[in-house]
Amino acid sequence: VKFYSLIRYCFAIVIMFVILSFCLFFLGGFGLTLYKISTYCKVEGVVSNSDIVEYRNKRGTWIYSMSCNVDYVVGGRKYSTSKIYPKGNISSNFEIFIKWNYQDLLDKTIVPVYYNSKDPSDSFIFYICKFVWIAMLICCLLIVFSVVLIRKSIVKILRR
């Protein structure tokens, strides 16, 4: 019975480390975006074209994602970007989910564009869709849960 419990606690630790790693990877991308925002210059851009793109994945399921082009001017020269950070465009099996998440990125909308001062063509828009807030909350809760479970499992293993 003790050996079985030891295996169970070790398995719980491994699973929690996997969950913890995934959550930290997800939040790390968000942190990297915040770092880029602090080092990039900001200018206003206008959404020139936004559309929901649909395509089939390898399994034949319809996938919907947001395509958005933003035009901006730096030093009298016009540039365009289609990068949306954090984590690029979100895809879903449900078109209504994409419409709900990106309803603020309609044509002619003014949005902030962040660009590299050394290369103004290196740019992105910072847009946190509703899903990302929910995912960040879930990741934070999973991190707390993982750390607590890892700590409890290690304490139980050391007591044996």
Protein backbone atom coordinates (compact mmCIF):
# COMPACT_ATOMS: atom_id res chain seq x y z
CA VAL A 1 0.00 0.00 0.00
CA LYS A 2 2.87 2.41 0.81
CA PHE A 3 4.58 1.74 -2.52
CA TYR A 4 1.30 2.37 -4.36
CA SER A 5 0.88 5.68 -2.51
CA LEU A 6 4.44 6.68 -3.38
CA ILE A 7 3.80 6.03 -7.08
CA ARG A 8 0.53 7.97 -6.88
CA TYR A 9 2.23 11.01 -5.31
CA CYS A 10 5.08 10.91 -7.84
CA PHE A 11 2.56 10.69 -10.67
CA ALA A 12 0.67 13.69 -9.23
CA ILE A 13 3.92 15.66 -9.08
CA VAL A 14 4.74 14.88 -12.73
CA ILE A 15 1.23 15.83 -13.91
CA MET A 16 1.31 19.07 -11.92
CA PHE A 17 4.74 19.96 -13.34
CA VAL A 18 3.35 19.45 -16.86
CA ILE A 19 0.36 21.68 -16.09
CA LEU A 20 2.62 24.22 -14.40
CA SER A 21 4.99 24.28 -17.40
CA PHE A 22 2.11 24.79 -19.84
CA CYS A 23 0.65 27.64 -17.79
CA LEU A 24 4.01 29.35 -17.38
CA PHE A 25 4.64 29.00 -21.12
CA PHE A 26 1.27 30.61 -21.87
CA LEU A 27 1.79 33.44 -19.39
CA GLY A 28 5.40 33.83 -20.54
CA GLY A 29 4.15 34.77 -24.01
CA PHE A 30 2.02 37.43 -22.42
CA GLY A 31 5.02 38.69 -20.41
CA LEU A 32 7.15 38.80 -23.56
CA THR A 33 4.47 40.90 -25.25
CA LEU A 34 4.44 43.32 -22.33
CA TYR A 35 8.23 43.58 -22.57
CA LYS A 36 7.99 44.32 -26.31
CA ILE A 37 5.39 47.02 -25.60
CA SER A 38 7.79 48.70 -23.19
CA THR A 39 10.61 48.76 -25.78
CA TYR A 40 8.60 49.50 -28.95
CA CYS A 41 7.21 52.86 -30.04
CA LYS A 42 3.49 53.46 -30.19
CA VAL A 43 1.46 55.03 -33.00
CA GLU A 44 -2.21 55.00 -33.92
CA GLY A 45 -3.26 52.77 -36.79
CA VAL A 46 -6.49 52.20 -38.65
CA VAL A 47 -7.93 48.75 -39.28
CA SER A 48 -8.05 48.60 -43.07
CA ASN A 49 -9.39 45.10 -43.44
CA SER A 50 -10.76 42.65 -40.91
CA ASP A 51 -12.44 39.41 -41.77
CA ILE A 52 -13.14 35.99 -40.37
CA VAL A 53 -11.21 33.38 -42.32
CA GLU A 54 -12.50 29.84 -42.49
CA TYR A 55 -10.55 26.76 -43.50
CA ARG A 56 -10.56 23.02 -42.90
CA ASN A 57 -7.98 21.41 -40.66
CA LYS A 58 -6.40 17.99 -41.29
CA ARG A 59 -9.41 16.23 -39.75
CA GLY A 60 -11.82 18.08 -42.03
CA THR A 61 -13.29 20.30 -39.29
CA TRP A 62 -14.03 23.94 -40.12
CA ILE A 63 -11.75 26.34 -38.26
CA TYR A 64 -12.42 30.07 -37.98
CA SER A 65 -9.82 32.73 -37.24
CA MET A 66 -9.57 36.50 -37.40
CA SER A 67 -7.60 38.18 -40.15
CA CYS A 68 -6.86 41.84 -39.50
CA ASN A 69 -4.69 44.34 -41.37
CA VAL A 70 -3.81 47.63 -39.74
CA ASP A 71 -2.28 50.57 -41.60
CA TYR A 72 -0.08 53.10 -39.78
CA VAL A 73 2.28 55.91 -40.68
CA VAL A 74 5.80 56.41 -39.30
CA GLY A 75 7.95 59.27 -40.51
CA GLY A 76 5.62 59.98 -43.42
CA ARG A 77 5.85 56.41 -44.72
CA LYS A 78 2.87 54.05 -44.69
CA TYR A 79 3.23 50.57 -43.17
CA SER A 80 0.88 47.68 -42.54
CA THR A 81 0.78 44.85 -40.02
CA SER A 82 -1.39 41.80 -39.47
CA LYS A 83 0.25 40.55 -36.26
CA ILE A 84 -1.99 40.43 -33.21
CA TYR A 85 -0.32 39.86 -29.84
CA PRO A 86 -0.42 38.18 -27.37
CA LYS A 87 -0.14 34.82 -29.09
CA GLY A 88 -1.31 35.86 -32.54
CA ASN A 89 -4.74 35.11 -33.84
CA ILE A 90 -6.99 32.77 -31.92
CA SER A 91 -8.80 30.06 -33.84
CA SER A 92 -11.99 28.26 -32.95
CA ASN A 93 -14.43 25.73 -34.30
CA PHE A 94 -17.19 28.27 -33.70
CA GLU A 95 -17.53 31.37 -35.85
CA ILE A 96 -19.66 33.12 -33.22
CA PHE A 97 -16.82 32.71 -30.69
CA ILE A 98 -14.41 34.52 -33.01
CA LYS A 99 -16.94 37.29 -33.67
CA TRP A 100 -17.45 37.72 -29.91
CA ASN A 101 -13.71 37.87 -29.20
CA TYR A 102 -12.77 40.27 -32.00
CA GLN A 103 -15.85 42.47 -32.21
CA ASP A 104 -13.73 45.58 -31.50
CA LEU A 105 -11.49 45.09 -34.56
CA LEU A 106 -13.88 46.21 -37.25
CA ASP A 107 -12.84 48.13 -40.37
CA LYS A 108 -11.95 51.80 -39.79
CA THR A 109 -11.37 51.27 -36.05
CA ILE A 110 -8.41 53.17 -34.61
CA VAL A 111 -6.06 50.89 -32.64
CA PRO A 112 -2.60 51.35 -31.10
CA VAL A 113 0.24 49.87 -33.12
CA TYR A 114 3.62 49.11 -31.55
CA TYR A 115 6.63 49.20 -33.87
CA ASN A 116 10.38 48.77 -33.62
CA SER A 117 12.06 52.19 -33.88
CA LYS A 118 14.95 50.68 -35.87
CA ASP A 119 12.63 48.86 -38.29
CA PRO A 120 9.11 50.35 -38.44
CA SER A 121 7.88 47.40 -40.52
CA ASP A 122 8.42 45.18 -37.44
CA SER A 123 5.15 45.89 -35.68
CA PHE A 124 2.07 44.42 -34.01
CA ILE A 125 -1.18 45.40 -32.42
CA PHE A 126 -1.80 44.56 -28.79
CA TYR A 127 -5.30 43.18 -28.50
CA ILE A 128 -6.40 41.04 -25.61
CA CYS A 129 -9.53 39.26 -26.65
CA LYS A 130 -12.02 38.09 -24.06
CA PHE A 131 -10.81 34.50 -24.27
CA VAL A 132 -7.27 35.42 -23.24
CA TRP A 133 -8.49 36.96 -19.97
CA ILE A 134 -10.39 33.75 -19.18
CA ALA A 135 -7.38 31.59 -20.14
CA MET A 136 -5.04 33.72 -18.00
CA LEU A 137 -7.35 33.35 -15.00
CA ILE A 138 -7.53 29.58 -15.49
CA CYS A 139 -3.72 29.39 -15.82
CA CYS A 140 -3.21 31.38 -12.62
CA LEU A 141 -5.61 29.13 -10.75
CA LEU A 142 -3.90 26.02 -12.16
CA ILE A 143 -0.50 27.36 -11.13
CA VAL A 144 -1.68 27.87 -7.54
CA PHE A 145 -3.35 24.44 -7.52
CA SER A 146 -0.22 22.80 -8.99
CA VAL A 147 2.16 24.38 -6.50
CA VAL A 148 -0.06 23.41 -3.56
CA LEU A 149 -0.46 19.83 -4.80
CA ILE A 150 3.27 19.47 -5.54
CA ARG A 151 4.13 20.75 -2.08
CA LYS A 152 1.65 18.40 -0.37
CA SER A 153 2.85 15.42 -2.41
CA ILE A 154 6.51 16.10 -1.61
CA VAL A 155 5.70 16.48 2.10
CA LYS A 156 3.83 13.14 2.08
CA ILE A 157 6.67 11.40 0.24
CA LEU A 158 9.25 12.74 2.70
CA ARG A 159 7.15 11.57 5.68
CA ARG A 160 7.24 7.97 4.43
